[in-house]
Every structure is written in C-alpha cells, then in structure tokens.
Amino acid sequence: MKVTQHIDAGRITGCWVSYDGTMEVSNDLGDEVNFSADADVMRTLARRINDYLDAEELKQAKEKAKADAKSNSDS
C-alpha cells in the first residue's frame, strides 16, 4: 500500500528551480517544500501556468472592455 498526503501549504511567496531540476517553493509562513521533476514535467507545469495566466489576462481584458463600454455609454 502506498501512503500519500495532501497538504494545504498556504500562499506561495517564492520559488526557485535549481539546475538539477529540484524546485523549492516557500510560503507566507516561512515553510519550504522541495521536490524534483524531470524536464517533461517541468514543461507541463510551465504550460499549465501560462495557460492559466493567459486565461486570467483575457478575463481581465474583457472585464475592462465591459467597464469602459459602460463608462462611455453613461457619458
């Protein structure tokens, strides 16, 4: 049987990736989580982060356009 654990580490405040693929993530409480990943996993992680950021930017742009249109129609 394999035992796993899920933790809620709080808000991430910093991160570091070393040359050997070891990643260190620190949180707002000063705790650190260290893990390693191969290049394929790191590419997948980077792609998912970029996809998330692209979606957030699009959402913000739509909200701004909607607010600008409302502001212009109120004028």
PDB file of N, CA and C in Angstrom:
ATOM      1  N   MET A   1       0.841  -1.173   0.000  1.00  0.00           N
ATOM      2  CA  MET A   1       0.000   0.000   0.000  1.00  0.00           C
ATOM      3  C   MET A   1       0.892   1.244   0.000  1.00  0.00           C
ATOM      4  N   LYS A   2       0.510   2.198  -0.798  1.00  0.00           N
ATOM      5  CA  LYS A   2       1.237   3.457  -0.865  1.00  0.00           C
ATOM      6  C   LYS A   2       0.489   4.496  -0.042  1.00  0.00           C
ATOM      7  N   VAL A   3       1.211   5.191   0.806  1.00  0.00           N
ATOM      8  CA  VAL A   3       0.619   6.231   1.632  1.00  0.00           C
ATOM      9  C   VAL A   3       0.962   7.574   1.014  1.00  0.00           C
ATOM     10  N   THR A   4      -0.039   8.413   0.806  1.00  0.00           N
ATOM     11  CA  THR A   4       0.183   9.748   0.266  1.00  0.00           C
ATOM     12  C   THR A   4      -0.412  10.773   1.214  1.00  0.00           C
ATOM     13  N   GLN A   5      -0.015  12.001   1.019  1.00  0.00           N
ATOM     14  CA  GLN A   5      -0.503  13.062   1.872  1.00  0.00           C
ATOM     15  C   GLN A   5      -0.748  14.305   1.035  1.00  0.00           C
ATOM     16  N   HIS A   6      -1.833  14.962   1.301  1.00  0.00           N
ATOM     17  CA  HIS A   6      -2.166  16.231   0.662  1.00  0.00           C
ATOM     18  C   HIS A   6      -2.087  17.304   1.736  1.00  0.00           C
ATOM     19  N   ILE A   7      -1.360  18.378   1.456  1.00  0.00           N
ATOM     20  CA  ILE A   7      -1.250  19.461   2.426  1.00  0.00           C
ATOM     21  C   ILE A   7      -1.716  20.769   1.804  1.00  0.00           C
ATOM     22  N   ASP A   8      -2.252  21.630   2.621  1.00  0.00           N
ATOM     23  CA  ASP A   8      -2.557  22.996   2.206  1.00  0.00           C
ATOM     24  C   ASP A   8      -1.454  23.847   2.802  1.00  0.00           C
ATOM     25  N   ALA A   9      -0.524  24.272   1.969  1.00  0.00           N
ATOM     26  CA  ALA A   9       0.674  24.974   2.438  1.00  0.00           C
ATOM     27  C   ALA A   9       0.485  26.474   2.531  1.00  0.00           C
ATOM     28  N   GLY A  10      -0.682  26.986   2.226  1.00  0.00           N
ATOM     29  CA  GLY A  10      -0.891  28.426   2.281  1.00  0.00           C
ATOM     30  C   GLY A  10      -0.489  29.090   0.974  1.00  0.00           C
ATOM     31  N   ARG A  11      -0.280  30.375   1.053  1.00  0.00           N
ATOM     32  CA  ARG A  11       0.046  31.166  -0.135  1.00  0.00           C
ATOM     33  C   ARG A  11       1.527  31.054  -0.472  1.00  0.00           C
ATOM     34  N   ILE A  12       1.821  30.776  -1.732  1.00  0.00           N
ATOM     35  CA  ILE A  12       3.200  30.706  -2.198  1.00  0.00           C
ATOM     36  C   ILE A  12       3.740  32.127  -2.323  1.00  0.00           C
ATOM     37  N   THR A  13       4.911  32.337  -1.750  1.00  0.00           N
ATOM     38  CA  THR A  13       5.523  33.663  -1.803  1.00  0.00           C
ATOM     39  C   THR A  13       6.844  33.671  -2.563  1.00  0.00           C
ATOM     40  N   GLY A  14       7.368  32.501  -2.877  1.00  0.00           N
ATOM     41  CA  GLY A  14       8.623  32.452  -3.608  1.00  0.00           C
ATOM     42  C   GLY A  14       8.875  31.071  -4.168  1.00  0.00           C
ATOM     43  N   CYS A  15       9.720  31.010  -5.176  1.00  0.00           N
ATOM     44  CA  CYS A  15      10.061  29.714  -5.752  1.00  0.00           C
ATOM     45  C   CYS A  15      11.446  29.789  -6.372  1.00  0.00           C
ATOM     46  N   TRP A  16      12.046  28.630  -6.513  1.00  0.00           N
ATOM     47  CA  TRP A  16      13.384  28.528  -7.067  1.00  0.00           C
ATOM     48  C   TRP A  16      13.489  27.199  -7.778  1.00  0.00           C
ATOM     49  N   VAL A  17      14.115  27.185  -8.935  1.00  0.00           N
ATOM     50  CA  VAL A  17      14.389  25.950  -9.657  1.00  0.00           C
ATOM     51  C   VAL A  17      15.899  25.858  -9.834  1.00  0.00           C
ATOM     52  N   SER A  18      16.493  24.778  -9.321  1.00  0.00           N
ATOM     53  CA  SER A  18      17.937  24.609  -9.455  1.00  0.00           C
ATOM     54  C   SER A  18      18.256  23.941 -10.786  1.00  0.00           C
ATOM     55  N   TYR A  19      19.522  23.909 -11.114  1.00  0.00           N
ATOM     56  CA  TYR A  19      19.948  23.345 -12.393  1.00  0.00           C
ATOM     57  C   TYR A  19      19.659  21.855 -12.512  1.00  0.00           C
ATOM     58  N   ASP A  20      19.561  21.151 -11.393  1.00  0.00           N
ATOM     59  CA  ASP A  20      19.291  19.709 -11.451  1.00  0.00           C
ATOM     60  C   ASP A  20      17.802  19.389 -11.459  1.00  0.00           C
ATOM     61  N   GLY A  21      16.944  20.419 -11.540  1.00  0.00           N
ATOM     62  CA  GLY A  21      15.501  20.207 -11.601  1.00  0.00           C
ATOM     63  C   GLY A  21      14.831  20.190 -10.246  1.00  0.00           C
ATOM     64  N   THR A  22      15.589  20.372  -9.177  1.00  0.00           N
ATOM     65  CA  THR A  22      14.989  20.453  -7.853  1.00  0.00           C
ATOM     66  C   THR A  22      14.289  21.800  -7.719  1.00  0.00           C
ATOM     67  N   MET A  23      13.058  21.769  -7.242  1.00  0.00           N
ATOM     68  CA  MET A  23      12.299  23.001  -7.062  1.00  0.00           C
ATOM     69  C   MET A  23      12.066  23.239  -5.579  1.00  0.00           C
ATOM     70  N   GLU A  24      12.140  24.490  -5.215  1.00  0.00           N
ATOM     71  CA  GLU A  24      11.865  24.888  -3.837  1.00  0.00           C
ATOM     72  C   GLU A  24      10.774  25.943  -3.876  1.00  0.00           C
ATOM     73  N   VAL A  25       9.738  25.722  -3.109  1.00  0.00           N
ATOM     74  CA  VAL A  25       8.618  26.661  -3.028  1.00  0.00           C
ATOM     75  C   VAL A  25       8.477  27.068  -1.567  1.00  0.00           C
ATOM     76  N   SER A  26       8.401  28.354  -1.321  1.00  0.00           N
ATOM     77  CA  SER A  26       8.219  28.830   0.052  1.00  0.00           C
ATOM     78  C   SER A  26       6.849  29.492   0.183  1.00  0.00           C
ATOM     79  N   ASN A  27       6.330  29.465   1.400  1.00  0.00           N
ATOM     80  CA  ASN A  27       5.011  30.043   1.627  1.00  0.00           C
ATOM     81  C   ASN A  27       5.086  31.227   2.575  1.00  0.00           C
ATOM     82  N   ASP A  28       3.928  31.828   2.828  1.00  0.00           N
ATOM     83  CA  ASP A  28       3.876  33.030   3.652  1.00  0.00           C
ATOM     84  C   ASP A  28       4.166  32.765   5.124  1.00  0.00           C
ATOM     85  N   LEU A  29       4.249  31.507   5.526  1.00  0.00           N
ATOM     86  CA  LEU A  29       4.586  31.162   6.902  1.00  0.00           C
ATOM     87  C   LEU A  29       6.073  30.886   7.080  1.00  0.00           C
ATOM     88  N   GLY A  30       6.822  30.945   5.971  1.00  0.00           N
ATOM     89  CA  GLY A  30       8.251  30.683   6.021  1.00  0.00           C
ATOM     90  C   GLY A  30       8.619  29.227   5.819  1.00  0.00           C
ATOM     91  N   ASP A  31       7.634  28.384   5.549  1.00  0.00           N
ATOM     92  CA  ASP A  31       7.898  26.968   5.297  1.00  0.00           C
ATOM     93  C   ASP A  31       8.382  26.787   3.862  1.00  0.00           C
ATOM     94  N   GLU A  32       9.091  25.687   3.627  1.00  0.00           N
ATOM     95  CA  GLU A  32       9.575  25.369   2.288  1.00  0.00           C
ATOM     96  C   GLU A  32       9.176  23.951   1.919  1.00  0.00           C
ATOM     97  N   VAL A  33       8.836  23.783   0.648  1.00  0.00           N
ATOM     98  CA  VAL A  33       8.569  22.466   0.088  1.00  0.00           C
ATOM     99  C   VAL A  33       9.564  22.265  -1.040  1.00  0.00           C
ATOM    100  N   ASN A  34      10.298  21.167  -0.995  1.00  0.00           N
ATOM    101  CA  ASN A  34      11.279  20.854  -2.024  1.00  0.00           C
ATOM    102  C   ASN A  34      10.840  19.598  -2.766  1.00  0.00           C
ATOM    103  N   PHE A  35      10.978  19.630  -4.076  1.00  0.00           N
ATOM    104  CA  PHE A  35      10.653  18.445  -4.874  1.00  0.00           C
ATOM    105  C   PHE A  35      11.460  18.491  -6.157  1.00  0.00           C
ATOM    106  N   SER A  36      11.544  17.350  -6.819  1.00  0.00           N
ATOM    107  CA  SER A  36      12.277  17.303  -8.080  1.00  0.00           C
ATOM    108  C   SER A  36      11.333  16.873  -9.189  1.00  0.00           C
ATOM    109  N   ALA A  37      11.701  17.238 -10.412  1.00  0.00           N
ATOM    110  CA  ALA A  37      10.881  16.893 -11.573  1.00  0.00           C
ATOM    111  C   ALA A  37      11.787  16.810 -12.797  1.00  0.00           C
ATOM    112  N   ASP A  38      11.403  15.953 -13.712  1.00  0.00           N
ATOM    113  CA  ASP A  38      12.185  15.880 -14.947  1.00  0.00           C
ATOM    114  C   ASP A  38      11.725  16.982 -15.905  1.00  0.00           C
ATOM    115  N   ALA A  39      12.422  17.129 -17.002  1.00  0.00           N
ATOM    116  CA  ALA A  39      12.151  18.225 -17.941  1.00  0.00           C
ATOM    117  C   ALA A  39      10.734  18.177 -18.503  1.00  0.00           C
ATOM    118  N   ASP A  40      10.202  16.985 -18.774  1.00  0.00           N
ATOM    119  CA  ASP A  40       8.843  16.886 -19.318  1.00  0.00           C
ATOM    120  C   ASP A  40       7.807  17.395 -18.329  1.00  0.00           C
ATOM    121  N   VAL A  41       7.970  17.054 -17.064  1.00  0.00           N
ATOM    122  CA  VAL A  41       7.033  17.528 -16.047  1.00  0.00           C
ATOM    123  C   VAL A  41       7.147  19.041 -15.885  1.00  0.00           C
ATOM    124  N   MET A  42       8.373  19.552 -15.937  1.00  0.00           N
ATOM    125  CA  MET A  42       8.560  20.997 -15.818  1.00  0.00           C
ATOM    126  C   MET A  42       7.927  21.731 -17.001  1.00  0.00           C
ATOM    127  N   ARG A  43       8.031  21.170 -18.210  1.00  0.00           N
ATOM    128  CA  ARG A  43       7.386  21.782 -19.384  1.00  0.00           C
ATOM    129  C   ARG A  43       5.869  21.793 -19.217  1.00  0.00           C
ATOM    130  N   THR A  44       5.317  20.685 -18.726  1.00  0.00           N
ATOM    131  CA  THR A  44       3.875  20.604 -18.499  1.00  0.00           C
ATOM    132  C   THR A  44       3.431  21.636 -17.469  1.00  0.00           C
ATOM    133  N   LEU A  45       4.181  21.749 -16.381  1.00  0.00           N
ATOM    134  CA  LEU A  45       3.870  22.732 -15.352  1.00  0.00           C
ATOM    135  C   LEU A  45       3.921  24.149 -15.919  1.00  0.00           C
ATOM    136  N   ALA A  46       4.974  24.451 -16.671  1.00  0.00           N
ATOM    137  CA  ALA A  46       5.103  25.780 -17.274  1.00  0.00           C
ATOM    138  C   ALA A  46       3.956  26.067 -18.234  1.00  0.00           C
ATOM    139  N   ARG A  47       3.578  25.071 -19.045  1.00  0.00           N
ATOM    140  CA  ARG A  47       2.472  25.254 -19.992  1.00  0.00           C
ATOM    141  C   ARG A  47       1.161  25.507 -19.253  1.00  0.00           C
ATOM    142  N   ARG A  48       0.922  24.768 -18.177  1.00  0.00           N
ATOM    143  CA  ARG A  48      -0.324  24.960 -17.423  1.00  0.00           C
ATOM    144  C   ARG A  48      -0.366  26.319 -16.745  1.00  0.00           C
ATOM    145  N   ILE A  49       0.766  26.753 -16.217  1.00  0.00           N
ATOM    146  CA  ILE A  49       0.817  28.084 -15.604  1.00  0.00           C
ATOM    147  C   ILE A  49       0.567  29.149 -16.659  1.00  0.00           C
ATOM    148  N   ASN A  50       1.196  29.019 -17.818  1.00  0.00           N
ATOM    149  CA  ASN A  50       0.990  30.001 -18.898  1.00  0.00           C
ATOM    150  C   ASN A  50      -0.449  29.996 -19.382  1.00  0.00           C
ATOM    151  N   ASP A  51      -1.070  28.823 -19.500  1.00  0.00           N
ATOM    152  CA  ASP A  51      -2.472  28.748 -19.904  1.00  0.00           C
ATOM    153  C   ASP A  51      -3.360  29.469 -18.897  1.00  0.00           C
ATOM    154  N   TYR A  52      -3.085  29.265 -17.620  1.00  0.00           N
ATOM    155  CA  TYR A  52      -3.856  29.928 -16.571  1.00  0.00           C
ATOM    156  C   TYR A  52      -3.695  31.446 -16.663  1.00  0.00           C
ATOM    157  N   LEU A  53      -2.450  31.897 -16.803  1.00  0.00           N
ATOM    158  CA  LEU A  53      -2.200  33.333 -16.885  1.00  0.00           C
ATOM    159  C   LEU A  53      -2.834  33.953 -18.119  1.00  0.00           C
ATOM    160  N   ASP A  54      -2.777  33.254 -19.253  1.00  0.00           N
ATOM    161  CA  ASP A  54      -3.429  33.748 -20.478  1.00  0.00           C
ATOM    162  C   ASP A  54      -4.926  33.902 -20.266  1.00  0.00           C
ATOM    163  N   ALA A  55      -5.551  32.920 -19.622  1.00  0.00           N
ATOM    164  CA  ALA A  55      -6.994  32.978 -19.363  1.00  0.00           C
ATOM    165  C   ALA A  55      -7.332  34.125 -18.417  1.00  0.00           C
ATOM    166  N   GLU A  56      -6.503  34.343 -17.402  1.00  0.00           N
ATOM    167  CA  GLU A  56      -6.733  35.451 -16.473  1.00  0.00           C
ATOM    168  C   GLU A  56      -6.600  36.802 -17.179  1.00  0.00           C
ATOM    169  N   GLU A  57      -5.588  36.937 -18.026  1.00  0.00           N
ATOM    170  CA  GLU A  57      -5.413  38.190 -18.771  1.00  0.00           C
ATOM    171  C   GLU A  57      -6.594  38.451 -19.691  1.00  0.00           C
ATOM    172  N   LEU A  58      -7.088  37.413 -20.361  1.00  0.00           N
ATOM    173  CA  LEU A  58      -8.244  37.559 -21.237  1.00  0.00           C
ATOM    174  C   LEU A  58      -9.475  37.971 -20.431  1.00  0.00           C
ATOM    175  N   LYS A  59      -9.672  37.338 -19.288  1.00  0.00           N
ATOM    176  CA  LYS A  59     -10.805  37.672 -18.419  1.00  0.00           C
ATOM    177  C   LYS A  59     -10.736  39.136 -17.983  1.00  0.00           C
ATOM    178  N   GLN A  60      -9.541  39.581 -17.570  1.00  0.00           N
ATOM    179  CA  GLN A  60      -9.380  40.970 -17.140  1.00  0.00           C
ATOM    180  C   GLN A  60      -9.606  41.940 -18.288  1.00  0.00           C
ATOM    181  N   ALA A  61      -9.129  41.593 -19.488  1.00  0.00           N
ATOM    182  CA  ALA A  61      -9.325  42.465 -20.645  1.00  0.00           C
ATOM    183  C   ALA A  61     -10.813  42.589 -20.984  1.00  0.00           C
ATOM    184  N   LYS A  62     -11.546  41.473 -20.899  1.00  0.00           N
ATOM    185  CA  LYS A  62     -12.990  41.510 -21.176  1.00  0.00           C
ATOM    186  C   LYS A  62     -13.713  42.357 -20.140  1.00  0.00           C
ATOM    187  N   GLU A  63     -13.326  42.200 -18.866  1.00  0.00           N
ATOM    188  CA  GLU A  63     -13.960  42.998 -17.809  1.00  0.00           C
ATOM    189  C   GLU A  63     -13.670  44.481 -17.990  1.00  0.00           C
ATOM    190  N   LYS A  64     -12.436  44.801 -18.394  1.00  0.00           N
ATOM    191  CA  LYS A  64     -12.082  46.206 -18.626  1.00  0.00           C
ATOM    192  C   LYS A  64     -12.850  46.764 -19.810  1.00  0.00           C
ATOM    193  N   ALA A  65     -12.957  45.996 -20.882  1.00  0.00           N
ATOM    194  CA  ALA A  65     -13.695  46.456 -22.055  1.00  0.00           C
ATOM    195  C   ALA A  65     -15.163  46.685 -21.709  1.00  0.00           C
ATOM    196  N   LYS A  66     -15.714  45.786 -20.910  1.00  0.00           N
ATOM    197  CA  LYS A  66     -17.113  45.928 -20.496  1.00  0.00           C
ATOM    198  C   LYS A  66     -17.292  47.178 -19.633  1.00  0.00           C
ATOM    199  N   ALA A  67     -16.368  47.412 -18.707  1.00  0.00           N
ATOM    200  CA  ALA A  67     -16.442  48.601 -17.839  1.00  0.00           C
ATOM    201  C   ALA A  67     -16.252  49.860 -18.660  1.00  0.00           C
ATOM    202  N   ASP A  68     -15.330  49.842 -19.627  1.00  0.00           N
ATOM    203  CA  ASP A  68     -15.105  51.005 -20.485  1.00  0.00           C
ATOM    204  C   ASP A  68     -16.339  51.300 -21.333  1.00  0.00           C
ATOM    205  N   ALA A  69     -16.964  50.253 -21.861  1.00  0.00           N
ATOM    206  CA  ALA A  69     -18.175  50.449 -22.675  1.00  0.00           C
ATOM    207  C   ALA A  69     -19.294  51.036 -21.840  1.00  0.00           C
ATOM    208  N   LYS A  70     -19.430  50.555 -20.600  1.00  0.00           N
ATOM    209  CA  LYS A  70     -20.471  51.089 -19.709  1.00  0.00           C
ATOM    210  C   LYS A  70     -20.177  52.551 -19.374  1.00  0.00           C
ATOM    211  N   SER A  71     -18.901  52.856 -19.120  1.00  0.00           N
ATOM    212  CA  SER A  71     -18.495  54.229 -18.792  1.00  0.00           C
ATOM    213  C   SER A  71     -18.770  55.158 -19.978  1.00  0.00           C
ATOM    214  N   ASN A  72     -18.480  54.687 -21.191  1.00  0.00           N
ATOM    215  CA  ASN A  72     -18.707  55.513 -22.383  1.00  0.00           C
ATOM    216  C   ASN A  72     -20.191  55.715 -22.650  1.00  0.00           C
ATOM    217  N   SER A  73     -21.011  54.711 -22.345  1.00  0.00           N
ATOM    218  CA  SER A  73     -22.449  54.860 -22.588  1.00  0.00           C
ATOM    219  C   SER A  73     -23.104  55.741 -21.528  1.00  0.00           C
ATOM    220  N   ASP A  74     -22.489  55.830 -20.347  1.00  0.00           N
ATOM    221  CA  ASP A  74     -23.007  56.702 -19.289  1.00  0.00           C
ATOM    222  C   ASP A  74     -22.651  58.164 -19.521  1.00  0.00           C
ATOM    223  N   SER A  75     -21.675  58.409 -20.382  1.00  0.00           N
ATOM    224  CA  SER A  75     -21.206  59.791 -20.605  1.00  0.00           C
ATOM    225  C   SER A  75     -22.105  60.550 -21.521  1.00  0.00           C
TER     226      SER A  75
END
